[in-house]
Amino acid sequence: MRKITPPKFTHKSTTPLILKYLIVLILIYGLAILISLSQVKISSIQDVLQKANWPAKTLLIETFGNENVLFNYAIKKQERPKTMNHLIFEAMTELHFDDIRSLFGSELPGFTIYNTKIFIAGKGLNYTNLPQDNPPSPEIHIETPKKQTPEENTKDQSSQKLKKRVLIYHTHPWEAYKPMNDGKDSTYTDLQKGVIKDGEIVGQTLNKDGVGYVHRIKQGWGYNEAYQKSRLVVLDALKKNPTLSYLIDIHRDSSGRNNTTMEIGTSSYARISIIIGEANPNYSANLFFAKKVKNQLDKNYPDLVRGIVGKTKLEGNGIYNQDISKNAILVEIGGVDNTLAEITRSSQAFGEALAQIIKQTK
């Protein structure tokens, strides 16, 4: 019989099979990766798109430019909004063409100012003199305040007959003014020497102008938990008064007198700053509301507003309870060195402007 020998597998015959196998694996894994990537939302790019602050006039011209190339020559190149390529580049690298701080801001230790954004700068405001928020003086023992009765701990002042539109509250009720508080910047005993006084004056001004308000005065929490606790105050107030739609958290700046005081005519005023949390879904609406407040104050009291500043969670709370309403802002009236007369004038000015805005939007 003829002997049958099995075929011999050589290197040349096995190599094409291995290559084909590897190619198939690469294609399968590559396809799986592409499918996965297509399902991933790039939140950083969405964030850039959301926070883009482009002039409406420029956007209108750019929109027409996509349909008619002649429009592209009707606007200066430097005034055109950022392209999608710019946005993707900024999202991936965190480098911004219009902000030189992005080249080194995240690399320098302690350079947290980089995480604060000036939306609108009033007279004199820049990145060297931004509004400051410092913890209370340790000697007042914020974590263990003096025991109070429920009536002393929680007060609810309001205009009785008017429809309640504005909630005034204080996340940092201990913030005081040194000239009113024997040289100390914090108090837990005499609340009339701090931001509570601002809230009362704003409320009285609103009431005089025919706008209903609720002024919640509550304390008894520490600095680190302040916004979580004040959030409960806000939600409780809204539950009891569903018509409240304007949420005003009143603070005072920790900056010195040079940055927080100005003369209007023959009178001295405490300057006002507005803080917007960039980490909340109502960010754009809150900013729009803040701009309306500033514009109204500018008409009545030019340069009284230091500016509108945005803060992320890297620099502050980032939300400031502003996700609860589209008309929520944090207002800082004056600083630690302002007097009762100065904060009274500015609180009245803010109340007047707020009342005018509310009446215009009815």
Protein backbone atom coordinates (compact mmCIF):
# COMPACT_ATOMS: atom_id res chain seq x y z
CA MET A 1 0.00 0.00 0.00
CA ARG A 2 1.01 3.56 -0.69
CA LYS A 3 1.87 5.41 2.50
CA ILE A 4 0.04 8.74 2.97
CA THR A 5 2.03 11.42 4.73
CA PRO A 6 0.25 14.29 6.56
CA PRO A 7 0.69 17.80 5.09
CA LYS A 8 3.43 19.91 6.57
CA PHE A 9 2.50 23.38 7.82
CA THR A 10 5.20 25.80 6.97
CA HIS A 11 5.83 29.32 8.20
CA LYS A 12 4.74 30.71 4.84
CA SER A 13 1.33 29.01 5.06
CA THR A 14 0.52 30.12 8.66
CA THR A 15 1.58 33.80 8.40
CA PRO A 16 -1.36 34.93 6.20
CA LEU A 17 -3.84 33.31 8.59
CA ILE A 18 -2.39 35.10 11.62
CA LEU A 19 -2.40 38.43 9.79
CA LYS A 20 -5.99 37.98 8.75
CA TYR A 21 -6.93 37.08 12.32
CA LEU A 22 -5.20 40.20 13.68
CA ILE A 23 -6.85 42.42 11.08
CA VAL A 24 -10.28 41.07 11.99
CA LEU A 25 -9.60 41.64 15.70
CA ILE A 26 -8.44 45.20 15.05
CA LEU A 27 -11.55 45.91 12.99
CA ILE A 28 -13.86 44.46 15.65
CA TYR A 29 -12.23 46.35 18.53
CA GLY A 30 -11.96 49.52 16.45
CA LEU A 31 -15.64 49.38 15.61
CA ALA A 32 -16.52 48.79 19.26
CA ILE A 33 -14.44 51.82 20.29
CA LEU A 34 -16.08 54.02 17.66
CA ILE A 35 -19.55 52.95 18.79
CA SER A 36 -18.65 53.66 22.41
CA LEU A 37 -17.22 57.08 21.59
CA SER A 38 -20.33 58.00 19.64
CA GLN A 39 -22.39 57.49 22.81
CA VAL A 40 -20.14 59.61 25.02
CA LYS A 41 -21.19 63.21 25.61
CA ILE A 42 -18.20 65.51 25.87
CA SER A 43 -19.35 67.62 28.81
CA SER A 44 -16.43 70.00 28.62
CA ILE A 45 -17.38 71.02 25.09
CA GLN A 46 -20.99 71.46 26.17
CA ASP A 47 -19.80 73.64 29.02
CA VAL A 48 -17.83 75.86 26.65
CA LEU A 49 -20.85 76.17 24.36
CA GLN A 50 -23.13 77.04 27.25
CA LYS A 51 -20.84 79.72 28.61
CA ALA A 52 -20.05 81.32 25.27
CA ASN A 53 -21.02 84.96 25.57
CA TRP A 54 -21.35 86.18 21.99
CA PRO A 55 -22.94 89.47 20.89
CA ALA A 56 -26.34 88.89 19.29
CA LYS A 57 -25.49 91.28 16.42
CA THR A 58 -22.40 89.28 15.55
CA LEU A 59 -24.24 85.98 15.73
CA LEU A 60 -26.92 87.31 13.39
CA ILE A 61 -24.34 88.39 10.82
CA GLU A 62 -22.48 85.09 11.15
CA THR A 63 -25.72 83.18 10.56
CA PHE A 64 -26.37 85.10 7.36
CA GLY A 65 -22.73 84.54 6.44
CA ASN A 66 -23.29 80.80 6.30
CA GLU A 67 -25.87 81.38 3.57
CA ASN A 68 -24.25 84.28 1.73
CA VAL A 69 -20.44 84.60 1.72
CA LEU A 70 -20.68 88.34 1.07
CA PHE A 71 -21.83 88.82 4.66
CA ASN A 72 -18.45 87.50 5.83
CA TYR A 73 -16.80 90.62 4.45
CA ALA A 74 -19.21 92.96 6.22
CA ILE A 75 -17.80 92.29 9.68
CA LYS A 76 -14.32 92.67 11.04
CA LYS A 77 -12.45 89.43 11.60
CA GLN A 78 -11.72 90.14 15.26
CA GLU A 79 -15.42 90.63 15.99
CA ARG A 80 -16.54 87.27 14.67
CA PRO A 81 -17.63 84.61 17.17
CA LYS A 82 -15.48 81.57 17.82
CA THR A 83 -15.71 78.72 15.37
CA MET A 84 -16.44 75.12 16.31
CA ASN A 85 -12.74 74.33 15.89
CA HIS A 86 -11.92 76.97 18.51
CA LEU A 87 -14.50 75.56 20.90
CA ILE A 88 -13.25 71.98 20.53
CA PHE A 89 -9.65 73.11 21.02
CA GLU A 90 -10.54 75.05 24.17
CA ALA A 91 -12.54 72.14 25.58
CA MET A 92 -9.72 69.65 25.03
CA THR A 93 -6.80 71.83 26.14
CA GLU A 94 -8.43 74.33 28.56
CA LEU A 95 -6.54 77.03 26.68
CA HIS A 96 -8.61 80.05 25.69
CA PHE A 97 -7.66 82.40 22.88
CA ASP A 98 -9.21 85.41 24.63
CA ASP A 99 -7.83 84.71 28.12
CA ILE A 100 -4.06 84.74 28.58
CA ARG A 101 -4.46 83.44 32.16
CA SER A 102 -5.28 80.03 30.71
CA LEU A 103 -1.63 79.61 29.69
CA PHE A 104 -0.48 79.38 33.29
CA GLY A 105 -3.51 79.70 35.57
CA SER A 106 -3.88 76.00 36.32
CA GLU A 107 -0.15 75.49 36.85
CA LEU A 108 0.61 78.07 39.56
CA PRO A 109 -0.07 76.96 43.15
CA GLY A 110 -2.63 79.11 44.90
CA PHE A 111 -3.74 80.83 41.71
CA THR A 112 -7.43 80.11 42.42
CA ILE A 113 -8.36 83.54 41.09
CA TYR A 114 -8.09 81.87 37.71
CA ASN A 115 -11.37 80.09 38.41
CA THR A 116 -13.28 83.36 38.83
CA LYS A 117 -14.74 85.10 35.81
CA ILE A 118 -15.65 88.75 35.43
CA PHE A 119 -18.80 88.85 33.31
CA ILE A 120 -19.17 92.62 33.53
CA ALA A 121 -16.57 94.84 35.18
CA GLY A 122 -17.77 98.00 36.84
CA LYS A 123 -15.49 100.95 37.41
CA GLY A 124 -12.18 99.81 38.90
CA LEU A 125 -12.92 96.07 39.07
CA ASN A 126 -10.19 93.72 37.82
CA TYR A 127 -8.67 90.36 38.71
CA THR A 128 -6.53 91.89 41.46
CA ASN A 129 -9.42 93.25 43.53
CA LEU A 130 -12.27 90.75 43.11
CA PRO A 131 -14.95 90.46 45.83
CA GLN A 132 -13.68 88.26 48.65
CA ASP A 133 -15.47 85.74 50.83
CA ASN A 134 -13.59 84.87 54.01
CA PRO A 135 -14.62 82.59 56.91
CA PRO A 136 -15.89 84.33 60.07
CA SER A 137 -13.59 85.33 62.87
CA PRO A 138 -12.77 82.24 64.99
CA GLU A 139 -13.46 84.01 68.27
CA ILE A 140 -17.22 84.10 67.63
CA HIS A 141 -17.39 80.27 67.55
CA ILE A 142 -19.61 79.87 64.52
CA GLU A 143 -19.84 76.09 64.93
CA THR A 144 -21.26 76.41 68.48
CA PRO A 145 -23.20 79.69 68.64
CA LYS A 146 -24.92 80.88 71.74
CA LYS A 147 -28.09 78.88 72.39
CA GLN A 148 -31.20 80.70 71.22
CA THR A 149 -34.93 80.18 71.42
CA PRO A 150 -36.74 79.14 68.20
CA GLU A 151 -38.17 82.65 67.91
CA GLU A 152 -34.69 84.19 68.10
CA ASN A 153 -33.19 81.62 65.77
CA THR A 154 -35.76 81.96 62.99
CA LYS A 155 -37.58 85.12 62.02
CA ASP A 156 -39.87 85.70 59.07
CA GLN A 157 -40.51 89.33 58.24
CA SER A 158 -42.79 90.13 55.32
CA SER A 159 -45.16 92.64 53.79
CA GLN A 160 -48.57 91.46 54.94
CA LYS A 161 -50.95 92.64 52.21
CA LEU A 162 -48.79 92.51 49.10
CA LYS A 163 -48.25 89.47 46.88
CA LYS A 164 -44.97 87.90 47.93
CA ARG A 165 -42.52 88.13 45.03
CA VAL A 166 -39.05 88.41 46.63
CA LEU A 167 -37.29 86.17 49.13
CA ILE A 168 -34.46 87.86 51.02
CA TYR A 169 -32.19 85.57 53.03
CA HIS A 170 -28.62 85.30 54.29
CA THR A 171 -26.35 82.27 53.90
CA HIS A 172 -23.73 84.03 56.07
CA PRO A 173 -25.86 85.83 58.69
CA TRP A 174 -22.81 86.50 60.87
CA GLU A 175 -21.22 88.89 58.34
CA ALA A 176 -20.93 92.27 60.05
CA TYR A 177 -19.52 95.73 59.33
CA LYS A 178 -16.62 96.83 61.52
CA PRO A 179 -17.77 100.45 62.06
CA MET A 180 -21.12 99.12 63.29
CA ASN A 181 -19.73 96.21 65.33
CA ASP A 182 -16.94 97.63 67.52
CA GLY A 183 -14.27 96.87 64.92
CA LYS A 184 -15.22 93.20 64.49
CA ASP A 185 -16.20 91.71 61.11
CA SER A 186 -18.50 88.97 62.51
CA THR A 187 -21.32 88.75 65.02
CA TYR A 188 -23.74 86.15 66.30
CA THR A 189 -25.35 88.28 68.98
CA ASP A 190 -26.40 91.62 67.48
CA LEU A 191 -27.63 90.90 63.95
CA GLN A 192 -28.51 94.55 63.38
CA LYS A 193 -24.80 95.24 62.94
CA GLY A 194 -24.41 93.19 59.77
CA VAL A 195 -26.04 91.95 56.58
CA ILE A 196 -29.38 91.32 58.32
CA LYS A 197 -29.74 95.11 58.42
CA ASP A 198 -29.23 95.23 54.64
CA GLY A 199 -32.02 92.71 54.18
CA GLU A 200 -34.41 94.71 56.34
CA ILE A 201 -33.74 97.91 54.41
CA VAL A 202 -34.14 96.19 51.03
CA GLY A 203 -37.43 94.66 52.19
CA GLN A 204 -38.76 97.99 53.50
CA THR A 205 -37.86 99.64 50.19
CA LEU A 206 -39.64 96.93 48.20
CA ASN A 207 -42.70 97.26 50.41
CA LYS A 208 -42.73 101.04 49.92
CA ASP A 209 -42.61 100.51 46.14
CA GLY A 210 -45.49 98.05 46.19
CA VAL A 211 -43.55 94.76 45.91
CA GLY A 212 -44.22 92.00 48.43
CA TYR A 213 -41.33 90.20 50.08
CA VAL A 214 -40.36 87.65 52.69
CA HIS A 215 -37.22 88.15 54.77
CA ARG A 216 -35.94 84.92 56.30
CA ILE A 217 -33.51 85.37 59.18
CA LYS A 218 -32.00 82.13 60.41
CA GLN A 219 -28.65 81.17 61.89
CA GLY A 220 -26.95 78.37 63.78
CA TRP A 221 -24.79 76.70 61.14
CA GLY A 222 -21.09 76.67 60.31
CA TYR A 223 -19.21 78.15 57.39
CA ASN A 224 -18.59 74.88 55.54
CA GLU A 225 -22.24 73.80 55.65
CA ALA A 226 -23.77 77.23 55.11
CA TYR A 227 -25.17 76.78 51.60
CA GLN A 228 -26.63 73.36 52.36
CA LYS A 229 -28.43 74.84 55.37
CA SER A 230 -29.60 78.04 53.66
CA ARG A 231 -30.96 75.90 50.83
CA LEU A 232 -33.38 74.32 53.32
CA VAL A 233 -34.45 77.81 54.37
CA VAL A 234 -35.13 78.77 50.75
CA LEU A 235 -37.09 75.60 49.98
CA ASP A 236 -39.19 76.00 53.12
CA ALA A 237 -39.97 79.61 52.23
CA LEU A 238 -41.00 78.62 48.70
CA LYS A 239 -43.22 75.87 50.05
CA LYS A 240 -45.05 78.35 52.28
CA ASN A 241 -45.10 81.11 49.65
CA PRO A 242 -45.28 79.62 46.12
CA THR A 243 -45.45 83.09 44.54
CA LEU A 244 -41.82 83.83 45.49
CA SER A 245 -39.74 83.91 42.31
CA TYR A 246 -36.89 86.32 43.08
CA LEU A 247 -34.28 84.86 45.44
CA ILE A 248 -31.81 87.38 46.87
CA ASP A 249 -28.98 86.11 49.10
CA ILE A 250 -27.45 89.20 50.72
CA HIS A 251 -23.82 89.21 51.88
CA ARG A 252 -21.07 91.75 52.36
CA ASP A 253 -17.62 91.79 50.78
CA SER A 254 -14.52 91.05 52.84
CA SER A 255 -12.53 93.62 50.85
CA GLY A 256 -11.39 96.90 52.35
CA ARG A 257 -12.90 100.35 52.07
CA ASN A 258 -10.91 101.43 49.02
CA ASN A 259 -12.63 98.80 46.88
CA THR A 260 -16.12 99.00 48.36
CA THR A 261 -16.86 102.71 48.74
CA MET A 262 -17.64 105.54 46.33
CA GLU A 263 -19.04 109.06 46.28
CA ILE A 264 -22.23 109.97 44.44
CA GLY A 265 -22.81 113.69 44.70
CA THR A 266 -22.11 114.65 48.28
CA SER A 267 -22.97 111.24 49.75
CA SER A 268 -20.86 108.14 50.29
CA TYR A 269 -22.20 104.73 49.16
CA ALA A 270 -21.22 101.09 49.73
CA ARG A 271 -20.58 99.55 46.32
CA ILE A 272 -22.52 96.47 45.24
CA SER A 273 -21.21 93.25 43.66
CA ILE A 274 -23.29 90.45 42.12
CA ILE A 275 -22.08 86.83 42.21
CA ILE A 276 -23.34 84.17 39.79
CA GLY A 277 -22.71 80.43 40.27
CA GLU A 278 -21.59 78.90 36.99
CA ALA A 279 -22.31 75.31 38.07
CA ASN A 280 -26.10 75.39 37.94
CA PRO A 281 -28.60 74.81 35.11
CA ASN A 282 -30.09 78.31 35.53
CA TYR A 283 -26.69 79.90 35.00
CA SER A 284 -27.63 81.81 31.82
CA ALA A 285 -30.98 83.00 33.18
CA ASN A 286 -29.42 84.15 36.47
CA LEU A 287 -26.76 86.06 34.55
CA PHE A 288 -29.43 87.72 32.40
CA PHE A 289 -31.29 88.76 35.55
CA ALA A 290 -28.07 90.08 37.12
CA LYS A 291 -27.41 92.19 34.03
CA LYS A 292 -30.90 93.70 34.30
CA VAL A 293 -30.24 94.60 37.94
CA LYS A 294 -26.92 96.21 37.07
CA ASN A 295 -28.38 98.15 34.15
CA GLN A 296 -31.17 99.50 36.32
CA LEU A 297 -28.76 100.49 39.08
CA ASP A 298 -26.48 102.14 36.52
CA LYS A 299 -29.37 104.34 35.42
CA ASN A 300 -30.13 105.46 38.94
CA TYR A 301 -26.66 105.34 40.53
CA PRO A 302 -23.83 105.21 37.94
CA ASP A 303 -20.86 102.99 38.90
CA LEU A 304 -22.46 101.82 42.14
CA VAL A 305 -22.14 98.21 40.95
CA ARG A 306 -18.56 96.95 41.10
CA GLY A 307 -19.37 94.21 38.62
CA ILE A 308 -20.93 90.83 37.95
CA VAL A 309 -18.62 87.95 38.83
CA GLY A 310 -18.99 84.24 38.08
CA LYS A 311 -17.58 81.51 40.31
CA THR A 312 -17.18 77.79 39.77
CA LYS A 313 -16.95 75.06 42.42
CA LEU A 314 -13.18 75.43 42.27
CA GLU A 315 -13.39 78.94 43.68
CA GLY A 316 -16.63 78.99 45.66
CA ASN A 317 -19.83 77.05 46.14
CA GLY A 318 -20.48 77.26 42.40
CA ILE A 319 -24.28 76.99 42.73
CA TYR A 320 -25.30 79.35 45.57
CA ASN A 321 -28.88 77.95 45.53
CA GLN A 322 -29.36 79.63 42.17
CA ASP A 323 -30.55 76.41 40.56
CA ILE A 324 -33.83 76.86 42.42
CA SER A 325 -34.95 79.91 40.41
CA LYS A 326 -34.11 81.71 37.18
CA ASN A 327 -34.15 84.98 39.13
CA ALA A 328 -31.65 84.12 41.85
CA ILE A 329 -28.52 86.13 42.63
CA LEU A 330 -26.01 86.60 45.42
CA VAL A 331 -25.61 90.30 46.25
CA GLU A 332 -22.74 91.75 48.26
CA ILE A 333 -23.57 95.18 49.68
CA GLY A 334 -20.41 97.01 50.67
CA GLY A 335 -17.49 95.56 52.60
CA VAL A 336 -16.23 95.15 56.14
CA ASP A 337 -15.32 98.84 56.48
CA ASN A 338 -18.57 100.44 55.34
CA THR A 339 -20.72 102.49 57.71
CA LEU A 340 -24.42 102.24 58.52
CA ALA A 341 -25.19 105.33 56.44
CA GLU A 342 -23.36 103.90 53.43
CA ILE A 343 -24.96 100.47 53.49
CA THR A 344 -28.37 102.06 54.10
CA ARG A 345 -28.12 104.20 50.96
CA SER A 346 -26.93 101.26 48.86
CA SER A 347 -29.55 98.85 50.23
CA GLN A 348 -32.25 101.37 49.38
CA ALA A 349 -30.77 101.80 45.89
CA PHE A 350 -30.78 98.05 45.32
CA GLY A 351 -34.34 97.71 46.59
CA GLU A 352 -35.51 100.51 44.28
CA ALA A 353 -33.84 98.93 41.24
CA LEU A 354 -35.24 95.48 42.03
CA ALA A 355 -38.76 96.86 42.45
CA GLN A 356 -38.52 98.67 39.11
CA ILE A 357 -37.43 95.48 37.34
CA ILE A 358 -40.23 93.42 38.88
CA LYS A 359 -42.85 95.98 37.89
CA GLN A 360 -41.53 96.07 34.34
CA THR A 361 -41.83 92.28 33.99
CA LYS A 362 -45.42 91.97 35.19
